[in-house]
Amino acid sequence: WLFELDKTKKIDFNQVIYFDGYPETILDFLNTILQNSYEYQQFDSIAITELRLKLIEDYNAKTASQLKN
């Protein structure tokens, strides 16, 4: 359903928010989940990986550090 929203609404998958004082995008958050799988056991790592790749390939999603450069 998330990817159907972009047909009716503008979604910025590179929106930067500050979490604990550090800039973060949705891609940074997904990377954190994948890097800390023990802490985020409730998430399906395969689905997170697929979502991450779709955001990168189809929506040109970037990390906050990539946007900075």
C-alpha atoms as a PDB file:
ATOM      1  CA  TRP A   1       0.000   0.000   0.000  1.00  0.00           C
ATOM      2  CA  LEU A   2       2.907   2.346   0.673  1.00  0.00           C
ATOM      3  CA  PHE A   3       3.957   2.373  -2.955  1.00  0.00           C
ATOM      4  CA  GLU A   4       0.397   3.005  -4.131  1.00  0.00           C
ATOM      5  CA  LEU A   5       0.380   6.275  -2.182  1.00  0.00           C
ATOM      6  CA  ASP A   6       2.850   7.909  -4.564  1.00  0.00           C
ATOM      7  CA  LYS A   7       0.174   7.816  -7.277  1.00  0.00           C
ATOM      8  CA  THR A   8      -2.021  10.212  -5.300  1.00  0.00           C
ATOM      9  CA  LYS A   9       0.405  11.961  -2.956  1.00  0.00           C
ATOM     10  CA  LYS A  10       3.956  13.281  -3.116  1.00  0.00           C
ATOM     11  CA  ILE A  11       6.160  11.164  -0.866  1.00  0.00           C
ATOM     12  CA  ASP A  12       9.722  12.226  -0.139  1.00  0.00           C
ATOM     13  CA  PHE A  13      11.625   9.060   0.740  1.00  0.00           C
ATOM     14  CA  ASN A  14      14.682  11.254   1.317  1.00  0.00           C
ATOM     15  CA  GLN A  15      13.053  13.325   4.047  1.00  0.00           C
ATOM     16  CA  VAL A  16      15.622  13.926   6.783  1.00  0.00           C
ATOM     17  CA  ILE A  17      14.587  13.838  10.431  1.00  0.00           C
ATOM     18  CA  TYR A  18      16.825  14.197  13.461  1.00  0.00           C
ATOM     19  CA  PHE A  19      16.875  11.233  15.813  1.00  0.00           C
ATOM     20  CA  ASP A  20      18.965  11.626  18.972  1.00  0.00           C
ATOM     21  CA  GLY A  21      20.539  14.668  17.327  1.00  0.00           C
ATOM     22  CA  TYR A  22      21.640  12.846  14.169  1.00  0.00           C
ATOM     23  CA  PRO A  23      20.165  13.212  10.674  1.00  0.00           C
ATOM     24  CA  GLU A  24      18.342  10.134   9.435  1.00  0.00           C
ATOM     25  CA  THR A  25      16.246   9.078   6.437  1.00  0.00           C
ATOM     26  CA  ILE A  26      14.031   6.029   6.053  1.00  0.00           C
ATOM     27  CA  LEU A  27      17.019   4.275   4.482  1.00  0.00           C
ATOM     28  CA  ASP A  28      19.160   4.976   7.557  1.00  0.00           C
ATOM     29  CA  PHE A  29      16.406   3.534   9.742  1.00  0.00           C
ATOM     30  CA  LEU A  30      16.143   0.381   7.625  1.00  0.00           C
ATOM     31  CA  ASN A  31      19.934   0.002   7.706  1.00  0.00           C
ATOM     32  CA  THR A  32      19.846   0.273  11.506  1.00  0.00           C
ATOM     33  CA  ILE A  33      17.247  -2.486  11.705  1.00  0.00           C
ATOM     34  CA  LEU A  34      19.337  -4.766   9.479  1.00  0.00           C
ATOM     35  CA  GLN A  35      22.560  -4.048  11.368  1.00  0.00           C
ATOM     36  CA  ASN A  36      20.932  -4.683  14.754  1.00  0.00           C
ATOM     37  CA  SER A  37      18.767  -7.682  13.949  1.00  0.00           C
ATOM     38  CA  TYR A  38      18.909  -8.993  17.523  1.00  0.00           C
ATOM     39  CA  GLU A  39      17.475  -5.749  18.882  1.00  0.00           C
ATOM     40  CA  TYR A  40      14.816  -5.626  16.153  1.00  0.00           C
ATOM     41  CA  GLN A  41      13.782  -9.291  16.138  1.00  0.00           C
ATOM     42  CA  GLN A  42      10.143  -8.359  15.564  1.00  0.00           C
ATOM     43  CA  PHE A  43      10.970  -7.262  11.992  1.00  0.00           C
ATOM     44  CA  ASP A  44      11.301  -9.639   9.045  1.00  0.00           C
ATOM     45  CA  SER A  45      14.845  -8.988   7.802  1.00  0.00           C
ATOM     46  CA  ILE A  46      14.092 -10.362   4.326  1.00  0.00           C
ATOM     47  CA  ALA A  47      11.127  -8.004   3.939  1.00  0.00           C
ATOM     48  CA  ILE A  48      13.213  -5.089   5.255  1.00  0.00           C
ATOM     49  CA  THR A  49      15.970  -5.903   2.751  1.00  0.00           C
ATOM     50  CA  GLU A  50      13.449  -6.064  -0.102  1.00  0.00           C
ATOM     51  CA  LEU A  51      11.873  -2.774   0.971  1.00  0.00           C
ATOM     52  CA  ARG A  52      15.301  -1.153   1.192  1.00  0.00           C
ATOM     53  CA  LEU A  53      16.239  -2.283  -2.320  1.00  0.00           C
ATOM     54  CA  LYS A  54      12.896  -1.127  -3.749  1.00  0.00           C
ATOM     55  CA  LEU A  55      13.302   2.304  -2.186  1.00  0.00           C
ATOM     56  CA  ILE A  56      16.807   2.617  -3.627  1.00  0.00           C
ATOM     57  CA  GLU A  57      16.053   1.273  -7.091  1.00  0.00           C
ATOM     58  CA  ASP A  58      12.580   2.693  -7.720  1.00  0.00           C
ATOM     59  CA  TYR A  59      12.565   5.860  -5.617  1.00  0.00           C
ATOM     60  CA  ASN A  60      16.262   6.838  -5.512  1.00  0.00           C
ATOM     61  CA  ALA A  61      16.276   6.713  -1.705  1.00  0.00           C
ATOM     62  CA  LYS A  62      19.499   7.793  -0.032  1.00  0.00           C
ATOM     63  CA  THR A  63      20.987   7.915   3.442  1.00  0.00           C
ATOM     64  CA  ALA A  64      21.371  11.265   5.182  1.00  0.00           C
ATOM     65  CA  SER A  65      25.134  11.173   4.612  1.00  0.00           C
ATOM     66  CA  GLN A  66      24.620  10.542   0.879  1.00  0.00           C
ATOM     67  CA  LEU A  67      22.303  13.539   0.676  1.00  0.00           C
ATOM     68  CA  LYS A  68      24.832  15.694   2.496  1.00  0.00           C
ATOM     69  CA  ASN A  69      27.564  15.046  -0.093  1.00  0.00           C
END
